[in-house]
Amino acid sequence: MQKVEIMPQLTDLAHAAVSKVVHKGDVVVDATVGNGHDTTFLSELVGTEGRVLAFDIQSVAIKQALERLRNSGHQNVTWFAMDHAHLAEVLQEEGISEVKAVMFNLGYLPGGDHEIVTRIDSTLKAIHAGLQALIVNGVMTILAYIGHPGGLDEAEAIETFLNKLNPEFYETQFDYGNSPKSPRLLIVKKTADERR
């Protein structure tokens, strides 16, 4: 009998990367709430002592995620019904200078309006702000879906941006799934403080 090797889902790989560095009491960001799966995952990781800042431009996404979280009993999420491009301002207003992880799940809301998608400019602004706030040994995961109009352009713009990061301070890892149309998982770990 032949052994079949099953490829792990990119979402599982993203969660595994975050699980390695995030602990109870940490502050983390879900930059794209969507249906709330990452928000719930992060909420469980950081526990009651930790905090999740959760962003989505669509109030319906936050409403769905709130329902999911309500069922889990966690109350450590602060919701921001706004574009993740405002991440830097929100962190400043909340008095948060460092976060342990930032997760992005780009594209459109599954089951929602496919015309409302993440955009290159706002996503790059949020990624930049997230990287600035990442603590040393913190991680950022970016799951970029490329099957919708503009999705491939967004993924390629992000890759170009990440490829320019100074390797003295950041390690990057790109996973392209198993076909050219697969989503792309981009992982960035901060290895040193560039502000030193």
C-alpha atoms as a PDB file:
ATOM      1  CA  MET A   1       0.000   0.000   0.000  1.00  0.00           C
ATOM      2  CA  GLN A   2       1.372   3.382  -1.003  1.00  0.00           C
ATOM      3  CA  LYS A   3       1.660   6.046   1.654  1.00  0.00           C
ATOM      4  CA  VAL A   4      -0.077   9.275   0.661  1.00  0.00           C
ATOM      5  CA  GLU A   5       1.469  12.453   1.999  1.00  0.00           C
ATOM      6  CA  ILE A   6      -1.118  15.103   2.737  1.00  0.00           C
ATOM      7  CA  MET A   7      -0.040  18.716   2.308  1.00  0.00           C
ATOM      8  CA  PRO A   8      -0.972  20.872   5.298  1.00  0.00           C
ATOM      9  CA  GLN A   9      -3.374  23.729   4.612  1.00  0.00           C
ATOM     10  CA  LEU A  10      -1.738  27.149   4.366  1.00  0.00           C
ATOM     11  CA  THR A  11      -4.019  28.375   7.161  1.00  0.00           C
ATOM     12  CA  ASP A  12      -2.644  25.591   9.366  1.00  0.00           C
ATOM     13  CA  LEU A  13       0.917  26.630   8.500  1.00  0.00           C
ATOM     14  CA  ALA A  14       0.096  30.245   9.380  1.00  0.00           C
ATOM     15  CA  HIS A  15      -1.400  29.154  12.705  1.00  0.00           C
ATOM     16  CA  ALA A  16       1.621  26.961  13.419  1.00  0.00           C
ATOM     17  CA  ALA A  17       4.018  29.868  12.812  1.00  0.00           C
ATOM     18  CA  VAL A  18       2.030  32.091  15.169  1.00  0.00           C
ATOM     19  CA  SER A  19       1.641  29.357  17.809  1.00  0.00           C
ATOM     20  CA  LYS A  20       5.426  29.061  18.076  1.00  0.00           C
ATOM     21  CA  VAL A  21       5.830  32.641  19.319  1.00  0.00           C
ATOM     22  CA  VAL A  22       2.544  33.774  20.909  1.00  0.00           C
ATOM     23  CA  HIS A  23       1.875  33.070  24.586  1.00  0.00           C
ATOM     24  CA  LYS A  24      -0.713  33.910  27.213  1.00  0.00           C
ATOM     25  CA  GLY A  25      -0.748  37.633  27.953  1.00  0.00           C
ATOM     26  CA  ASP A  26       0.579  38.761  24.557  1.00  0.00           C
ATOM     27  CA  VAL A  27      -0.913  41.509  22.399  1.00  0.00           C
ATOM     28  CA  VAL A  28      -1.656  40.479  18.813  1.00  0.00           C
ATOM     29  CA  VAL A  29      -3.443  41.828  15.735  1.00  0.00           C
ATOM     30  CA  ASP A  30      -5.917  40.256  13.347  1.00  0.00           C
ATOM     31  CA  ALA A  31      -5.714  42.759  10.491  1.00  0.00           C
ATOM     32  CA  THR A  32      -8.521  41.118   8.489  1.00  0.00           C
ATOM     33  CA  VAL A  33     -11.261  39.589  10.652  1.00  0.00           C
ATOM     34  CA  GLY A  34     -13.244  37.927   7.842  1.00  0.00           C
ATOM     35  CA  ASN A  35     -15.314  35.132   9.365  1.00  0.00           C
ATOM     36  CA  GLY A  36     -13.360  35.328  12.628  1.00  0.00           C
ATOM     37  CA  HIS A  37     -11.353  32.104  12.464  1.00  0.00           C
ATOM     38  CA  ASP A  38      -7.986  33.829  13.020  1.00  0.00           C
ATOM     39  CA  THR A  39      -9.519  36.147  15.620  1.00  0.00           C
ATOM     40  CA  THR A  40     -10.793  33.157  17.591  1.00  0.00           C
ATOM     41  CA  PHE A  41      -7.466  31.354  17.236  1.00  0.00           C
ATOM     42  CA  LEU A  42      -5.534  34.416  18.467  1.00  0.00           C
ATOM     43  CA  SER A  43      -7.992  35.006  21.307  1.00  0.00           C
ATOM     44  CA  GLU A  44      -7.464  31.465  22.578  1.00  0.00           C
ATOM     45  CA  LEU A  45      -3.668  31.759  22.284  1.00  0.00           C
ATOM     46  CA  VAL A  46      -3.335  34.970  24.310  1.00  0.00           C
ATOM     47  CA  GLY A  47      -5.936  34.013  26.916  1.00  0.00           C
ATOM     48  CA  THR A  48      -7.740  36.304  29.313  1.00  0.00           C
ATOM     49  CA  GLU A  49      -4.507  38.142  30.186  1.00  0.00           C
ATOM     50  CA  GLY A  50      -3.801  38.945  26.527  1.00  0.00           C
ATOM     51  CA  ARG A  51      -5.399  41.164  23.948  1.00  0.00           C
ATOM     52  CA  VAL A  52      -6.427  40.902  20.290  1.00  0.00           C
ATOM     53  CA  LEU A  53      -6.939  43.981  18.125  1.00  0.00           C
ATOM     54  CA  ALA A  54      -9.252  42.933  15.293  1.00  0.00           C
ATOM     55  CA  PHE A  55      -9.833  44.978  12.125  1.00  0.00           C
ATOM     56  CA  ASP A  56     -12.315  44.665   9.301  1.00  0.00           C
ATOM     57  CA  ILE A  57     -13.761  47.247   6.951  1.00  0.00           C
ATOM     58  CA  GLN A  58     -17.069  45.352   6.849  1.00  0.00           C
ATOM     59  CA  SER A  59     -19.324  45.474   9.886  1.00  0.00           C
ATOM     60  CA  VAL A  60     -20.961  42.191   8.796  1.00  0.00           C
ATOM     61  CA  ALA A  61     -17.587  40.458   9.236  1.00  0.00           C
ATOM     62  CA  ILE A  62     -17.215  41.802  12.756  1.00  0.00           C
ATOM     63  CA  LYS A  63     -20.789  40.793  13.577  1.00  0.00           C
ATOM     64  CA  GLN A  64     -20.130  37.204  12.409  1.00  0.00           C
ATOM     65  CA  ALA A  65     -16.838  37.055  14.277  1.00  0.00           C
ATOM     66  CA  LEU A  66     -18.469  38.417  17.432  1.00  0.00           C
ATOM     67  CA  GLU A  67     -20.949  35.547  17.312  1.00  0.00           C
ATOM     68  CA  ARG A  68     -18.127  33.043  16.910  1.00  0.00           C
ATOM     69  CA  LEU A  69     -16.225  34.595  19.842  1.00  0.00           C
ATOM     70  CA  ARG A  70     -19.334  34.799  22.012  1.00  0.00           C
ATOM     71  CA  ASN A  71     -19.648  31.028  21.720  1.00  0.00           C
ATOM     72  CA  SER A  72     -16.037  30.601  22.877  1.00  0.00           C
ATOM     73  CA  GLY A  73     -16.522  32.801  25.935  1.00  0.00           C
ATOM     74  CA  HIS A  74     -13.450  34.969  25.281  1.00  0.00           C
ATOM     75  CA  GLN A  75     -13.695  38.698  25.920  1.00  0.00           C
ATOM     76  CA  ASN A  76     -10.170  39.806  25.095  1.00  0.00           C
ATOM     77  CA  VAL A  77     -10.853  41.230  21.608  1.00  0.00           C
ATOM     78  CA  THR A  78     -11.127  44.928  20.775  1.00  0.00           C
ATOM     79  CA  TRP A  79     -12.967  45.453  17.477  1.00  0.00           C
ATOM     80  CA  PHE A  80     -12.165  48.132  14.911  1.00  0.00           C
ATOM     81  CA  ALA A  81     -14.695  48.505  12.090  1.00  0.00           C
ATOM     82  CA  MET A  82     -12.217  50.216   9.802  1.00  0.00           C
ATOM     83  CA  ASP A  83      -9.572  49.673   7.159  1.00  0.00           C
ATOM     84  CA  HIS A  84      -6.418  48.017   8.491  1.00  0.00           C
ATOM     85  CA  ALA A  85      -4.514  50.937   6.941  1.00  0.00           C
ATOM     86  CA  HIS A  86      -5.276  52.718  10.247  1.00  0.00           C
ATOM     87  CA  LEU A  87      -3.283  50.174  12.273  1.00  0.00           C
ATOM     88  CA  ALA A  88      -0.496  52.597  13.223  1.00  0.00           C
ATOM     89  CA  GLU A  89      -2.950  55.249  14.476  1.00  0.00           C
ATOM     90  CA  VAL A  90      -4.955  52.689  16.457  1.00  0.00           C
ATOM     91  CA  LEU A  91      -1.852  51.285  18.134  1.00  0.00           C
ATOM     92  CA  GLN A  92      -0.828  54.802  19.116  1.00  0.00           C
ATOM     93  CA  GLU A  93      -4.312  55.656  20.434  1.00  0.00           C
ATOM     94  CA  GLU A  94      -4.414  52.400  22.404  1.00  0.00           C
ATOM     95  CA  GLY A  95      -0.957  53.034  23.882  1.00  0.00           C
ATOM     96  CA  ILE A  96       0.477  49.867  22.340  1.00  0.00           C
ATOM     97  CA  SER A  97       4.075  50.063  21.123  1.00  0.00           C
ATOM     98  CA  GLU A  98       4.724  46.348  20.549  1.00  0.00           C
ATOM     99  CA  VAL A  99       2.744  43.329  19.369  1.00  0.00           C
ATOM    100  CA  LYS A 100       3.755  39.660  19.193  1.00  0.00           C
ATOM    101  CA  ALA A 101       1.935  38.701  15.996  1.00  0.00           C
ATOM    102  CA  VAL A 102      -0.018  40.185  13.118  1.00  0.00           C
ATOM    103  CA  MET A 103      -2.185  38.052  10.834  1.00  0.00           C
ATOM    104  CA  PHE A 104      -3.551  38.993   7.410  1.00  0.00           C
ATOM    105  CA  ASN A 105      -6.018  36.961   5.352  1.00  0.00           C
ATOM    106  CA  LEU A 106      -6.331  38.944   2.116  1.00  0.00           C
ATOM    107  CA  GLY A 107      -9.012  38.978  -0.551  1.00  0.00           C
ATOM    108  CA  TYR A 108     -12.747  39.173   0.074  1.00  0.00           C
ATOM    109  CA  LEU A 109     -15.056  38.033   2.860  1.00  0.00           C
ATOM    110  CA  PRO A 110     -16.040  34.399   2.167  1.00  0.00           C
ATOM    111  CA  GLY A 111     -19.783  34.394   1.569  1.00  0.00           C
ATOM    112  CA  GLY A 112     -19.789  38.207   1.369  1.00  0.00           C
ATOM    113  CA  ASP A 113     -19.615  40.846  -1.341  1.00  0.00           C
ATOM    114  CA  HIS A 114     -16.821  39.837  -3.738  1.00  0.00           C
ATOM    115  CA  GLU A 115     -16.526  43.456  -4.898  1.00  0.00           C
ATOM    116  CA  ILE A 116     -15.175  44.459  -1.474  1.00  0.00           C
ATOM    117  CA  VAL A 117     -11.570  43.268  -1.451  1.00  0.00           C
ATOM    118  CA  THR A 118      -8.340  44.208   0.247  1.00  0.00           C
ATOM    119  CA  ARG A 119      -6.323  46.782  -1.723  1.00  0.00           C
ATOM    120  CA  ILE A 120      -2.599  47.107  -2.360  1.00  0.00           C
ATOM    121  CA  ASP A 121      -2.109  50.593  -0.878  1.00  0.00           C
ATOM    122  CA  SER A 122      -3.966  50.022   2.384  1.00  0.00           C
ATOM    123  CA  THR A 123      -2.535  46.528   2.819  1.00  0.00           C
ATOM    124  CA  LEU A 124       1.060  47.715   2.338  1.00  0.00           C
ATOM    125  CA  LYS A 125       0.452  50.543   4.812  1.00  0.00           C
ATOM    126  CA  ALA A 126      -0.886  48.047   7.375  1.00  0.00           C
ATOM    127  CA  ILE A 127       1.989  45.615   6.770  1.00  0.00           C
ATOM    128  CA  HIS A 128       4.515  48.416   7.285  1.00  0.00           C
ATOM    129  CA  ALA A 129       2.812  49.488  10.526  1.00  0.00           C
ATOM    130  CA  GLY A 130       2.608  45.887  11.716  1.00  0.00           C
ATOM    131  CA  LEU A 131       6.291  45.254  11.060  1.00  0.00           C
ATOM    132  CA  GLN A 132       7.227  48.433  12.935  1.00  0.00           C
ATOM    133  CA  ALA A 133       5.188  47.271  15.938  1.00  0.00           C
ATOM    134  CA  LEU A 134       6.402  43.647  15.928  1.00  0.00           C
ATOM    135  CA  ILE A 135       8.502  42.762  18.932  1.00  0.00           C
ATOM    136  CA  VAL A 136      11.782  40.906  18.291  1.00  0.00           C
ATOM    137  CA  ASN A 137      10.916  37.243  17.608  1.00  0.00           C
ATOM    138  CA  GLY A 138       7.382  38.319  16.717  1.00  0.00           C
ATOM    139  CA  VAL A 139       5.797  37.025  13.526  1.00  0.00           C
ATOM    140  CA  MET A 140       3.550  38.290  10.751  1.00  0.00           C
ATOM    141  CA  THR A 141       1.587  35.945   8.499  1.00  0.00           C
ATOM    142  CA  ILE A 142       0.016  37.073   5.232  1.00  0.00           C
ATOM    143  CA  LEU A 143      -2.285  34.675   3.407  1.00  0.00           C
ATOM    144  CA  ALA A 144      -2.881  36.207  -0.029  1.00  0.00           C
ATOM    145  CA  TYR A 145      -5.656  34.828  -2.213  1.00  0.00           C
ATOM    146  CA  ILE A 146      -4.983  35.481  -5.882  1.00  0.00           C
ATOM    147  CA  GLY A 147      -8.092  34.179  -7.645  1.00  0.00           C
ATOM    148  CA  HIS A 148     -10.059  37.433  -7.651  1.00  0.00           C
ATOM    149  CA  PRO A 149      -9.401  40.567  -9.767  1.00  0.00           C
ATOM    150  CA  GLY A 150      -6.441  42.418  -8.235  1.00  0.00           C
ATOM    151  CA  GLY A 151      -5.459  39.519  -5.979  1.00  0.00           C
ATOM    152  CA  LEU A 152      -2.333  38.532  -7.886  1.00  0.00           C
ATOM    153  CA  ASP A 153      -1.230  42.167  -8.171  1.00  0.00           C
ATOM    154  CA  GLU A 154      -1.659  42.601  -4.416  1.00  0.00           C
ATOM    155  CA  ALA A 155       0.310  39.422  -3.641  1.00  0.00           C
ATOM    156  CA  GLU A 156       3.142  40.424  -5.973  1.00  0.00           C
ATOM    157  CA  ALA A 157       3.294  43.963  -4.542  1.00  0.00           C
ATOM    158  CA  ILE A 158       3.571  42.515  -1.031  1.00  0.00           C
ATOM    159  CA  GLU A 159       6.301  40.094  -2.103  1.00  0.00           C
ATOM    160  CA  THR A 160       8.241  42.962  -3.695  1.00  0.00           C
ATOM    161  CA  PHE A 161       7.901  44.954  -0.467  1.00  0.00           C
ATOM    162  CA  LEU A 162       8.983  42.014   1.718  1.00  0.00           C
ATOM    163  CA  ASN A 163      11.939  41.195  -0.541  1.00  0.00           C
ATOM    164  CA  LYS A 164      13.310  44.674   0.211  1.00  0.00           C
ATOM    165  CA  LEU A 165      13.301  44.117   3.988  1.00  0.00           C
ATOM    166  CA  ASN A 166      16.730  44.194   5.577  1.00  0.00           C
ATOM    167  CA  PRO A 167      17.757  40.566   6.321  1.00  0.00           C
ATOM    168  CA  GLU A 168      19.607  41.854   9.387  1.00  0.00           C
ATOM    169  CA  PHE A 169      16.218  42.423  11.003  1.00  0.00           C
ATOM    170  CA  TYR A 170      13.729  40.153   9.232  1.00  0.00           C
ATOM    171  CA  GLU A 171      13.494  36.552   8.027  1.00  0.00           C
ATOM    172  CA  THR A 172      10.965  35.852   5.289  1.00  0.00           C
ATOM    173  CA  GLN A 173       9.460  32.598   4.090  1.00  0.00           C
ATOM    174  CA  PHE A 174       7.145  32.277   1.070  1.00  0.00           C
ATOM    175  CA  ASP A 175       4.908  29.264   0.414  1.00  0.00           C
ATOM    176  CA  TYR A 176       3.075  29.128  -2.921  1.00  0.00           C
ATOM    177  CA  GLY A 177       0.882  26.127  -2.250  1.00  0.00           C
ATOM    178  CA  ASN A 178       0.746  23.378  -4.847  1.00  0.00           C
ATOM    179  CA  SER A 179      -0.528  25.187  -7.969  1.00  0.00           C
ATOM    180  CA  PRO A 180      -0.100  28.574  -9.667  1.00  0.00           C
ATOM    181  CA  LYS A 181      -3.646  29.515  -8.609  1.00  0.00           C
ATOM    182  CA  SER A 182      -3.128  28.543  -4.962  1.00  0.00           C
ATOM    183  CA  PRO A 183      -3.143  31.197  -2.261  1.00  0.00           C
ATOM    184  CA  ARG A 184       0.295  32.353  -1.135  1.00  0.00           C
ATOM    185  CA  LEU A 185       1.471  32.295   2.458  1.00  0.00           C
ATOM    186  CA  LEU A 186       4.090  34.879   3.337  1.00  0.00           C
ATOM    187  CA  ILE A 187       5.656  34.709   6.807  1.00  0.00           C
ATOM    188  CA  VAL A 188       7.906  37.364   8.298  1.00  0.00           C
ATOM    189  CA  LYS A 189       9.781  36.993  11.579  1.00  0.00           C
ATOM    190  CA  LYS A 190      11.485  39.959  13.196  1.00  0.00           C
ATOM    191  CA  THR A 191      14.925  38.829  14.311  1.00  0.00           C
ATOM    192  CA  ALA A 192      16.354  42.131  15.618  1.00  0.00           C
ATOM    193  CA  ASP A 193      15.188  45.630  16.451  1.00  0.00           C
ATOM    194  CA  GLU A 194      15.864  47.976  13.555  1.00  0.00           C
ATOM    195  CA  ARG A 195      15.302  50.989  15.842  1.00  0.00           C
ATOM    196  CA  ARG A 196      18.379  50.214  17.957  1.00  0.00           C
END
